[in-house]
Amino acid sequence: MDMGTKILEQLAGIVLPKEILERFAIVKIETDERDINAMSMTIHLDERMNTAYQESDGYESLGFMDAVSVTDFPIRDHKVVLKLRRRRWKNKQTGEAL
């Protein structure tokens, strides 16, 4: 991890609500700096394994669903997009996928 990426992750840790960081891990941060006036930051987040489903022995992770993009509040008038990937869970007893 280069120094720029580390700084961006620290910034994301400061501006994102702690509840998001408890449930999701920062996977990657991308910036688009082609136009300094329209600069944007995209933060990729994957759901962590330590959720209520995992704590129950009756569920297993089936991988991730497609990412959902959420436009967050801008930082100093620059666009911020969160790309969230939630896990798909399977109930071991019923076979039902959640």
PDB file of N, CA and C in Angstrom:
ATOM      1  N   MET A   1       0.850  -1.171   0.000  1.00  0.00           N
ATOM      2  CA  MET A   1       0.000   0.000   0.000  1.00  0.00           C
ATOM      3  C   MET A   1       0.897   1.236   0.000  1.00  0.00           C
ATOM      4  N   ASP A   2       0.637   2.118  -0.968  1.00  0.00           N
ATOM      5  CA  ASP A   2       1.462   3.316  -1.015  1.00  0.00           C
ATOM      6  C   ASP A   2       0.954   4.366  -0.023  1.00  0.00           C
ATOM      7  N   MET A   3       1.752   5.383   0.201  1.00  0.00           N
ATOM      8  CA  MET A   3       1.449   6.403   1.200  1.00  0.00           C
ATOM      9  C   MET A   3       0.147   7.141   0.876  1.00  0.00           C
ATOM     10  N   GLY A   4      -0.092   7.438  -0.412  1.00  0.00           N
ATOM     11  CA  GLY A   4      -1.317   8.135  -0.808  1.00  0.00           C
ATOM     12  C   GLY A   4      -2.566   7.346  -0.466  1.00  0.00           C
ATOM     13  N   THR A   5      -2.534   6.028  -0.712  1.00  0.00           N
ATOM     14  CA  THR A   5      -3.677   5.168  -0.387  1.00  0.00           C
ATOM     15  C   THR A   5      -3.898   5.115   1.112  1.00  0.00           C
ATOM     16  N   LYS A   6      -2.831   5.037   1.867  1.00  0.00           N
ATOM     17  CA  LYS A   6      -2.945   4.982   3.324  1.00  0.00           C
ATOM     18  C   LYS A   6      -3.583   6.268   3.863  1.00  0.00           C
ATOM     19  N   ILE A   7      -3.182   7.406   3.322  1.00  0.00           N
ATOM     20  CA  ILE A   7      -3.744   8.683   3.750  1.00  0.00           C
ATOM     21  C   ILE A   7      -5.231   8.752   3.402  1.00  0.00           C
ATOM     22  N   LEU A   8      -5.607   8.279   2.197  1.00  0.00           N
ATOM     23  CA  LEU A   8      -7.016   8.271   1.808  1.00  0.00           C
ATOM     24  C   LEU A   8      -7.833   7.375   2.731  1.00  0.00           C
ATOM     25  N   GLU A   9      -7.292   6.228   3.122  1.00  0.00           N
ATOM     26  CA  GLU A   9      -7.999   5.335   4.047  1.00  0.00           C
ATOM     27  C   GLU A   9      -8.171   5.987   5.413  1.00  0.00           C
ATOM     28  N   GLN A  10      -7.165   6.700   5.866  1.00  0.00           N
ATOM     29  CA  GLN A  10      -7.287   7.411   7.149  1.00  0.00           C
ATOM     30  C   GLN A  10      -8.357   8.493   7.058  1.00  0.00           C
ATOM     31  N   LEU A  11      -8.387   9.211   5.946  1.00  0.00           N
ATOM     32  CA  LEU A  11      -9.404  10.237   5.745  1.00  0.00           C
ATOM     33  C   LEU A  11     -10.797   9.601   5.732  1.00  0.00           C
ATOM     34  N   ALA A  12     -10.951   8.495   5.020  1.00  0.00           N
ATOM     35  CA  ALA A  12     -12.243   7.817   4.965  1.00  0.00           C
ATOM     36  C   ALA A  12     -12.669   7.361   6.358  1.00  0.00           C
ATOM     37  N   GLY A  13     -11.716   6.901   7.160  1.00  0.00           N
ATOM     38  CA  GLY A  13     -12.021   6.483   8.529  1.00  0.00           C
ATOM     39  C   GLY A  13     -12.501   7.632   9.398  1.00  0.00           C
ATOM     40  N   ILE A  14     -12.073   8.839   9.057  1.00  0.00           N
ATOM     41  CA  ILE A  14     -12.497  10.013   9.818  1.00  0.00           C
ATOM     42  C   ILE A  14     -13.884  10.486   9.384  1.00  0.00           C
ATOM     43  N   VAL A  15     -14.155  10.484   8.082  1.00  0.00           N
ATOM     44  CA  VAL A  15     -15.409  11.061   7.591  1.00  0.00           C
ATOM     45  C   VAL A  15     -16.574  10.074   7.564  1.00  0.00           C
ATOM     46  N   LEU A  16     -16.303   8.769   7.525  1.00  0.00           N
ATOM     47  CA  LEU A  16     -17.397   7.793   7.514  1.00  0.00           C
ATOM     48  C   LEU A  16     -17.895   7.535   8.931  1.00  0.00           C
ATOM     49  N   PRO A  17     -19.194   7.313   9.087  1.00  0.00           N
ATOM     50  CA  PRO A  17     -19.725   6.987  10.416  1.00  0.00           C
ATOM     51  C   PRO A  17     -19.115   5.696  10.950  1.00  0.00           C
ATOM     52  N   LYS A  18     -18.875   5.642  12.255  1.00  0.00           N
ATOM     53  CA  LYS A  18     -18.226   4.463  12.841  1.00  0.00           C
ATOM     54  C   LYS A  18     -19.061   3.204  12.646  1.00  0.00           C
ATOM     55  N   GLU A  19     -20.393   3.348  12.529  1.00  0.00           N
ATOM     56  CA  GLU A  19     -21.257   2.180  12.318  1.00  0.00           C
ATOM     57  C   GLU A  19     -20.977   1.525  10.965  1.00  0.00           C
ATOM     58  N   ILE A  20     -20.655   2.329   9.969  1.00  0.00           N
ATOM     59  CA  ILE A  20     -20.311   1.765   8.657  1.00  0.00           C
ATOM     60  C   ILE A  20     -19.000   1.003   8.748  1.00  0.00           C
ATOM     61  N   LEU A  21     -18.013   1.589   9.434  1.00  0.00           N
ATOM     62  CA  LEU A  21     -16.708   0.933   9.527  1.00  0.00           C
ATOM     63  C   LEU A  21     -16.743  -0.295  10.426  1.00  0.00           C
ATOM     64  N   GLU A  22     -17.710  -0.374  11.333  1.00  0.00           N
ATOM     65  CA  GLU A  22     -17.868  -1.583  12.149  1.00  0.00           C
ATOM     66  C   GLU A  22     -18.412  -2.730  11.314  1.00  0.00           C
ATOM     67  N   ARG A  23     -19.251  -2.418  10.333  1.00  0.00           N
ATOM     68  CA  ARG A  23     -19.905  -3.449   9.541  1.00  0.00           C
ATOM     69  C   ARG A  23     -19.234  -3.705   8.191  1.00  0.00           C
ATOM     70  N   PHE A  24     -18.505  -2.692   7.670  1.00  0.00           N
ATOM     71  CA  PHE A  24     -17.873  -2.815   6.356  1.00  0.00           C
ATOM     72  C   PHE A  24     -16.383  -2.512   6.450  1.00  0.00           C
ATOM     73  N   ALA A  25     -15.602  -3.181   5.606  1.00  0.00           N
ATOM     74  CA  ALA A  25     -14.159  -2.950   5.524  1.00  0.00           C
ATOM     75  C   ALA A  25     -13.856  -2.148   4.250  1.00  0.00           C
ATOM     76  N   ILE A  26     -12.949  -1.183   4.358  1.00  0.00           N
ATOM     77  CA  ILE A  26     -12.520  -0.424   3.184  1.00  0.00           C
ATOM     78  C   ILE A  26     -11.633  -1.333   2.343  1.00  0.00           C
ATOM     79  N   VAL A  27     -12.034  -1.545   1.105  1.00  0.00           N
ATOM     80  CA  VAL A  27     -11.292  -2.431   0.207  1.00  0.00           C
ATOM     81  C   VAL A  27     -10.384  -1.635  -0.724  1.00  0.00           C
ATOM     82  N   LYS A  28     -10.920  -0.509  -1.209  1.00  0.00           N
ATOM     83  CA  LYS A  28     -10.161   0.278  -2.189  1.00  0.00           C
ATOM     84  C   LYS A  28     -10.748   1.681  -2.210  1.00  0.00           C
ATOM     85  N   ILE A  29      -9.905   2.659  -2.508  1.00  0.00           N
ATOM     86  CA  ILE A  29     -10.348   4.034  -2.683  1.00  0.00           C
ATOM     87  C   ILE A  29      -9.793   4.533  -4.006  1.00  0.00           C
ATOM     88  N   GLU A  30     -10.689   5.075  -4.826  1.00  0.00           N
ATOM     89  CA  GLU A  30     -10.292   5.615  -6.120  1.00  0.00           C
ATOM     90  C   GLU A  30     -10.598   7.108  -6.142  1.00  0.00           C
ATOM     91  N   THR A  31      -9.727   7.866  -6.776  1.00  0.00           N
ATOM     92  CA  THR A  31      -9.985   9.288  -6.970  1.00  0.00           C
ATOM     93  C   THR A  31      -9.915   9.594  -8.460  1.00  0.00           C
ATOM     94  N   ASP A  32     -10.728  10.541  -8.868  1.00  0.00           N
ATOM     95  CA  ASP A  32     -10.715  11.012 -10.247  1.00  0.00           C
ATOM     96  C   ASP A  32     -10.268  12.462 -10.202  1.00  0.00           C
ATOM     97  N   GLU A  33      -9.042  12.708 -10.600  1.00  0.00           N
ATOM     98  CA  GLU A  33      -8.456  14.043 -10.484  1.00  0.00           C
ATOM     99  C   GLU A  33      -8.234  14.703 -11.836  1.00  0.00           C
ATOM    100  N   ARG A  34      -8.909  14.209 -12.878  1.00  0.00           N
ATOM    101  CA  ARG A  34      -8.698  14.795 -14.210  1.00  0.00           C
ATOM    102  C   ARG A  34      -9.101  16.266 -14.251  1.00  0.00           C
ATOM    103  N   ASP A  35     -10.183  16.591 -13.551  1.00  0.00           N
ATOM    104  CA  ASP A  35     -10.635  17.986 -13.471  1.00  0.00           C
ATOM    105  C   ASP A  35     -10.689  18.347 -11.992  1.00  0.00           C
ATOM    106  N   ILE A  36      -9.771  19.171 -11.529  1.00  0.00           N
ATOM    107  CA  ILE A  36      -9.654  19.485 -10.104  1.00  0.00           C
ATOM    108  C   ILE A  36     -10.951  20.071  -9.541  1.00  0.00           C
ATOM    109  N   ASN A  37     -11.747  20.744 -10.368  1.00  0.00           N
ATOM    110  CA  ASN A  37     -13.009  21.326  -9.912  1.00  0.00           C
ATOM    111  C   ASN A  37     -14.109  20.279  -9.779  1.00  0.00           C
ATOM    112  N   ALA A  38     -13.959  19.154 -10.458  1.00  0.00           N
ATOM    113  CA  ALA A  38     -14.977  18.099 -10.404  1.00  0.00           C
ATOM    114  C   ALA A  38     -14.402  16.820  -9.787  1.00  0.00           C
ATOM    115  N   MET A  39     -13.351  16.950  -9.000  1.00  0.00           N
ATOM    116  CA  MET A  39     -12.692  15.795  -8.406  1.00  0.00           C
ATOM    117  C   MET A  39     -13.685  14.956  -7.604  1.00  0.00           C
ATOM    118  N   SER A  40     -13.539  13.650  -7.653  1.00  0.00           N
ATOM    119  CA  SER A  40     -14.430  12.768  -6.901  1.00  0.00           C
ATOM    120  C   SER A  40     -13.630  11.656  -6.231  1.00  0.00           C
ATOM    121  N   MET A  41     -14.235  11.060  -5.209  1.00  0.00           N
ATOM    122  CA  MET A  41     -13.623   9.947  -4.484  1.00  0.00           C
ATOM    123  C   MET A  41     -14.648   8.823  -4.409  1.00  0.00           C
ATOM    124  N   THR A  42     -14.241   7.614  -4.776  1.00  0.00           N
ATOM    125  CA  THR A  42     -15.096   6.432  -4.671  1.00  0.00           C
ATOM    126  C   THR A  42     -14.474   5.495  -3.645  1.00  0.00           C
ATOM    127  N   ILE A  43     -15.252   5.169  -2.608  1.00  0.00           N
ATOM    128  CA  ILE A  43     -14.778   4.301  -1.531  1.00  0.00           C
ATOM    129  C   ILE A  43     -15.485   2.956  -1.665  1.00  0.00           C
ATOM    130  N   HIS A  44     -14.714   1.892  -1.887  1.00  0.00           N
ATOM    131  CA  HIS A  44     -15.269   0.546  -2.031  1.00  0.00           C
ATOM    132  C   HIS A  44     -15.268  -0.128  -0.657  1.00  0.00           C
ATOM    133  N   LEU A  45     -16.431  -0.647  -0.256  1.00  0.00           N
ATOM    134  CA  LEU A  45     -16.593  -1.256   1.067  1.00  0.00           C
ATOM    135  C   LEU A  45     -17.226  -2.638   0.924  1.00  0.00           C
ATOM    136  N   ASP A  46     -16.655  -3.639   1.604  1.00  0.00           N
ATOM    137  CA  ASP A  46     -17.216  -4.997   1.637  1.00  0.00           C
ATOM    138  C   ASP A  46     -17.711  -5.304   3.043  1.00  0.00           C
ATOM    139  N   GLU A  47     -18.880  -5.939   3.126  1.00  0.00           N
ATOM    140  CA  GLU A  47     -19.430  -6.312   4.432  1.00  0.00           C
ATOM    141  C   GLU A  47     -18.477  -7.279   5.131  1.00  0.00           C
ATOM    142  N   ARG A  48     -18.233  -7.018   6.396  1.00  0.00           N
ATOM    143  CA  ARG A  48     -17.351  -7.887   7.183  1.00  0.00           C
ATOM    144  C   ARG A  48     -18.064  -9.197   7.511  1.00  0.00           C
ATOM    145  N   MET A  49     -17.307 -10.202   7.912  1.00  0.00           N
ATOM    146  CA  MET A  49     -17.879 -11.499   8.284  1.00  0.00           C
ATOM    147  C   MET A  49     -18.539 -11.462   9.661  1.00  0.00           C
ATOM    148  N   ASN A  50     -18.156 -10.552  10.543  1.00  0.00           N
ATOM    149  CA  ASN A  50     -18.650 -10.555  11.912  1.00  0.00           C
ATOM    150  C   ASN A  50     -20.017  -9.882  12.025  1.00  0.00           C
ATOM    151  N   THR A  51     -21.004 -10.456  11.371  1.00  0.00           N
ATOM    152  CA  THR A  51     -22.362  -9.932  11.435  1.00  0.00           C
ATOM    153  C   THR A  51     -23.224 -10.875  12.256  1.00  0.00           C
ATOM    154  N   ALA A  52     -24.450 -10.487  12.472  1.00  0.00           N
ATOM    155  CA  ALA A  52     -25.374 -11.311  13.259  1.00  0.00           C
ATOM    156  C   ALA A  52     -25.562 -12.687  12.625  1.00  0.00           C
ATOM    157  N   TYR A  53     -25.538 -12.743  11.282  1.00  0.00           N
ATOM    158  CA  TYR A  53     -25.723 -14.040  10.624  1.00  0.00           C
ATOM    159  C   TYR A  53     -24.577 -14.993  10.922  1.00  0.00           C
ATOM    160  N   GLN A  54     -23.345 -14.494  10.888  1.00  0.00           N
ATOM    161  CA  GLN A  54     -22.218 -15.371  11.131  1.00  0.00           C
ATOM    162  C   GLN A  54     -22.208 -15.850  12.575  1.00  0.00           C
ATOM    163  N   GLU A  55     -22.618 -14.981  13.500  1.00  0.00           N
ATOM    164  CA  GLU A  55     -22.607 -15.348  14.904  1.00  0.00           C
ATOM    165  C   GLU A  55     -23.564 -16.499  15.185  1.00  0.00           C
ATOM    166  N   SER A  56     -24.573 -16.630  14.348  1.00  0.00           N
ATOM    167  CA  SER A  56     -25.500 -17.743  14.476  1.00  0.00           C
ATOM    168  C   SER A  56     -24.945 -18.908  13.646  1.00  0.00           C
ATOM    169  N   ASP A  57     -24.862 -20.082  14.222  1.00  0.00           N
ATOM    170  CA  ASP A  57     -24.297 -21.234  13.515  1.00  0.00           C
ATOM    171  C   ASP A  57     -25.162 -21.686  12.347  1.00  0.00           C
ATOM    172  N   GLY A  58     -26.376 -21.164  12.240  1.00  0.00           N
ATOM    173  CA  GLY A  58     -27.296 -21.622  11.207  1.00  0.00           C
ATOM    174  C   GLY A  58     -27.103 -20.980   9.852  1.00  0.00           C
ATOM    175  N   TYR A  59     -26.108 -20.100   9.672  1.00  0.00           N
ATOM    176  CA  TYR A  59     -25.923 -19.394   8.405  1.00  0.00           C
ATOM    177  C   TYR A  59     -24.490 -19.517   7.908  1.00  0.00           C
ATOM    178  N   GLU A  60     -24.360 -19.473   6.568  1.00  0.00           N
ATOM    179  CA  GLU A  60     -23.041 -19.440   5.963  1.00  0.00           C
ATOM    180  C   GLU A  60     -23.024 -18.401   4.845  1.00  0.00           C
ATOM    181  N   SER A  61     -21.870 -17.818   4.599  1.00  0.00           N
ATOM    182  CA  SER A  61     -21.740 -16.798   3.566  1.00  0.00           C
ATOM    183  C   SER A  61     -21.625 -17.465   2.199  1.00  0.00           C
ATOM    184  N   LEU A  62     -22.365 -16.929   1.231  1.00  0.00           N
ATOM    185  CA  LEU A  62     -22.309 -17.425  -0.146  1.00  0.00           C
ATOM    186  C   LEU A  62     -21.561 -16.452  -1.061  1.00  0.00           C
ATOM    187  N   GLY A  63     -20.781 -15.572  -0.486  1.00  0.00           N
ATOM    188  CA  GLY A  63     -20.071 -14.574  -1.279  1.00  0.00           C
ATOM    189  C   GLY A  63     -20.796 -13.249  -1.229  1.00  0.00           C
ATOM    190  N   PHE A  64     -20.586 -12.412  -2.241  1.00  0.00           N
ATOM    191  CA  PHE A  64     -21.123 -11.056  -2.234  1.00  0.00           C
ATOM    192  C   PHE A  64     -22.196 -10.861  -3.290  1.00  0.00           C
ATOM    193  N   MET A  65     -23.149  -9.981  -2.979  1.00  0.00           N
ATOM    194  CA  MET A  65     -24.125  -9.519  -3.969  1.00  0.00           C
ATOM    195  C   MET A  65     -23.442  -8.453  -4.819  1.00  0.00           C
ATOM    196  N   ASP A  66     -24.109  -8.014  -5.882  1.00  0.00           N
ATOM    197  CA  ASP A  66     -23.567  -6.932  -6.706  1.00  0.00           C
ATOM    198  C   ASP A  66     -23.443  -5.671  -5.867  1.00  0.00           C
ATOM    199  N   ALA A  67     -22.456  -4.857  -6.190  1.00  0.00           N
ATOM    200  CA  ALA A  67     -22.219  -3.609  -5.454  1.00  0.00           C
ATOM    201  C   ALA A  67     -23.350  -2.620  -5.703  1.00  0.00           C
ATOM    202  N   VAL A  68     -23.649  -1.845  -4.672  1.00  0.00           N
ATOM    203  CA  VAL A  68     -24.637  -0.768  -4.744  1.00  0.00           C
ATOM    204  C   VAL A  68     -23.884   0.538  -4.551  1.00  0.00           C
ATOM    205  N   SER A  69     -24.151   1.518  -5.406  1.00  0.00           N
ATOM    206  CA  SER A  69     -23.503   2.829  -5.292  1.00  0.00           C
ATOM    207  C   SER A  69     -24.406   3.787  -4.537  1.00  0.00           C
ATOM    208  N   VAL A  70     -23.833   4.454  -3.552  1.00  0.00           N
ATOM    209  CA  VAL A  70     -24.547   5.437  -2.755  1.00  0.00           C
ATOM    210  C   VAL A  70     -23.760   6.736  -2.815  1.00  0.00           C
ATOM    211  N   THR A  71     -24.424   7.808  -3.236  1.00  0.00           N
ATOM    212  CA  THR A  71     -23.764   9.108  -3.253  1.00  0.00           C
ATOM    213  C   THR A  71     -23.834   9.684  -1.844  1.00  0.00           C
ATOM    214  N   ASP A  72     -22.682   9.909  -1.255  1.00  0.00           N
ATOM    215  CA  ASP A  72     -22.585  10.410   0.111  1.00  0.00           C
ATOM    216  C   ASP A  72     -22.498  11.935   0.082  1.00  0.00           C
ATOM    217  N   PHE A  73     -22.474  12.540   1.260  1.00  0.00           N
ATOM    218  CA  PHE A  73     -22.310  13.986   1.343  1.00  0.00           C
ATOM    219  C   PHE A  73     -20.961  14.373   0.741  1.00  0.00           C
ATOM    220  N   PRO A  74     -20.919  15.455  -0.006  1.00  0.00           N
ATOM    221  CA  PRO A  74     -19.638  15.875  -0.594  1.00  0.00           C
ATOM    222  C   PRO A  74     -18.655  16.345   0.481  1.00  0.00           C
ATOM    223  N   ILE A  75     -17.396  16.215   0.159  1.00  0.00           N
ATOM    224  CA  ILE A  75     -16.330  16.737   1.018  1.00  0.00           C
ATOM    225  C   ILE A  75     -15.741  17.937   0.298  1.00  0.00           C
ATOM    226  N   ARG A  76     -15.895  19.097   0.893  1.00  0.00           N
ATOM    227  CA  ARG A  76     -15.411  20.353   0.288  1.00  0.00           C
ATOM    228  C   ARG A  76     -15.870  20.486  -1.163  1.00  0.00           C
ATOM    229  N   ASP A  77     -17.144  20.203  -1.394  1.00  0.00           N
ATOM    230  CA  ASP A  77     -17.792  20.309  -2.709  1.00  0.00           C
ATOM    231  C   ASP A  77     -17.302  19.278  -3.719  1.00  0.00           C
ATOM    232  N   HIS A  78     -16.611  18.251  -3.269  1.00  0.00           N
ATOM    233  CA  HIS A  78     -16.180  17.178  -4.169  1.00  0.00           C
ATOM    234  C   HIS A  78     -17.045  15.949  -3.929  1.00  0.00           C
ATOM    235  N   LYS A  79     -17.436  15.307  -5.003  1.00  0.00           N
ATOM    236  CA  LYS A  79     -18.336  14.160  -4.966  1.00  0.00           C
ATOM    237  C   LYS A  79     -17.701  12.977  -4.222  1.00  0.00           C
ATOM    238  N   VAL A  80     -18.511  12.301  -3.388  1.00  0.00           N
ATOM    239  CA  VAL A  80     -18.083  11.089  -2.682  1.00  0.00           C
ATOM    240  C   VAL A  80     -19.110   9.993  -2.961  1.00  0.00           C
ATOM    241  N   VAL A  81     -18.631   8.861  -3.463  1.00  0.00           N
ATOM    242  CA  VAL A  81     -19.500   7.727  -3.769  1.00  0.00           C
ATOM    243  C   VAL A  81     -19.035   6.527  -2.946  1.00  0.00           C
ATOM    244  N   LEU A  82     -19.985   5.876  -2.279  1.00  0.00           N
ATOM    245  CA  LEU A  82     -19.690   4.641  -1.550  1.00  0.00           C
ATOM    246  C   LEU A  82     -20.189   3.481  -2.394  1.00  0.00           C
ATOM    247  N   LYS A  83     -19.316   2.506  -2.656  1.00  0.00           N
ATOM    248  CA  LYS A  83     -19.709   1.288  -3.371  1.00  0.00           C
ATOM    249  C   LYS A  83     -19.733   0.172  -2.336  1.00  0.00           C
ATOM    250  N   LEU A  84     -20.942  -0.252  -1.966  1.00  0.00           N
ATOM    251  CA  LEU A  84     -21.137  -1.233  -0.900  1.00  0.00           C
ATOM    252  C   LEU A  84     -21.435  -2.610  -1.480  1.00  0.00           C
ATOM    253  N   ARG A  85     -20.728  -3.607  -0.970  1.00  0.00           N
ATOM    254  CA  ARG A  85     -21.036  -4.999  -1.334  1.00  0.00           C
ATOM    255  C   ARG A  85     -21.447  -5.735  -0.071  1.00  0.00           C
ATOM    256  N   ARG A  86     -22.697  -6.221  -0.059  1.00  0.00           N
ATOM    257  CA  ARG A  86     -23.196  -6.983   1.082  1.00  0.00           C
ATOM    258  C   ARG A  86     -23.045  -8.463   0.788  1.00  0.00           C
ATOM    259  N   ARG A  87     -22.913  -9.234   1.840  1.00  0.00           N
ATOM    260  CA  ARG A  87     -22.804 -10.679   1.688  1.00  0.00           C
ATOM    261  C   ARG A  87     -24.177 -11.296   1.461  1.00  0.00           C
ATOM    262  N   ARG A  88     -24.192 -12.385   0.754  1.00  0.00           N
ATOM    263  CA  ARG A  88     -25.400 -13.200   0.593  1.00  0.00           C
ATOM    264  C   ARG A  88     -25.267 -14.347   1.590  1.00  0.00           C
ATOM    265  N   TRP A  89     -26.294 -14.540   2.409  1.00  0.00           N
ATOM    266  CA  TRP A  89     -26.254 -15.555   3.457  1.00  0.00           C
ATOM    267  C   TRP A  89     -27.208 -16.694   3.144  1.00  0.00           C
ATOM    268  N   LYS A  90     -26.842 -17.892   3.562  1.00  0.00           N
ATOM    269  CA  LYS A  90     -27.686 -19.077   3.362  1.00  0.00           C
ATOM    270  C   LYS A  90     -27.987 -19.692   4.719  1.00  0.00           C
ATOM    271  N   ASN A  91     -29.278 -19.957   4.957  1.00  0.00           N
ATOM    272  CA  ASN A  91     -29.706 -20.652   6.166  1.00  0.00           C
ATOM    273  C   ASN A  91     -29.405 -22.142   5.942  1.00  0.00           C
ATOM    274  N   LYS A  92     -28.533 -22.723   6.750  1.00  0.00           N
ATOM    275  CA  LYS A  92     -28.109 -24.109   6.557  1.00  0.00           C
ATOM    276  C   LYS A  92     -29.251 -25.102   6.730  1.00  0.00           C
ATOM    277  N   GLN A  93     -30.209 -24.777   7.566  1.00  0.00           N
ATOM    278  CA  GLN A  93     -31.313 -25.711   7.838  1.00  0.00           C
ATOM    279  C   GLN A  93     -32.357 -25.698   6.726  1.00  0.00           C
ATOM    280  N   THR A  94     -32.713 -24.502   6.245  1.00  0.00           N
ATOM    281  CA  THR A  94     -33.798 -24.395   5.262  1.00  0.00           C
ATOM    282  C   THR A  94     -33.281 -24.266   3.837  1.00  0.00           C
ATOM    283  N   GLY A  95     -32.006 -23.897   3.656  1.00  0.00           N
ATOM    284  CA  GLY A  95     -31.444 -23.670   2.331  1.00  0.00           C
ATOM    285  C   GLY A  95     -31.831 -22.321   1.756  1.00  0.00           C
ATOM    286  N   GLU A  96     -32.576 -21.518   2.510  1.00  0.00           N
ATOM    287  CA  GLU A  96     -33.030 -20.205   2.035  1.00  0.00           C
ATOM    288  C   GLU A  96     -31.849 -19.238   2.005  1.00  0.00           C
ATOM    289  N   ALA A  97     -31.754 -18.517   0.874  1.00  0.00           N
ATOM    290  CA  ALA A  97     -30.698 -17.497   0.729  1.00  0.00           C
ATOM    291  C   ALA A  97     -31.259 -16.146   1.087  1.00  0.00           C
ATOM    292  N   LEU A  98     -30.480 -15.374   1.846  1.00  0.00           N
ATOM    293  CA  LEU A  98     -30.893 -14.028   2.255  1.00  0.00           C
ATOM    294  C   LEU A  98     -30.018 -12.992   1.605  1.00  0.00           C
TER     295      LEU A  98
END
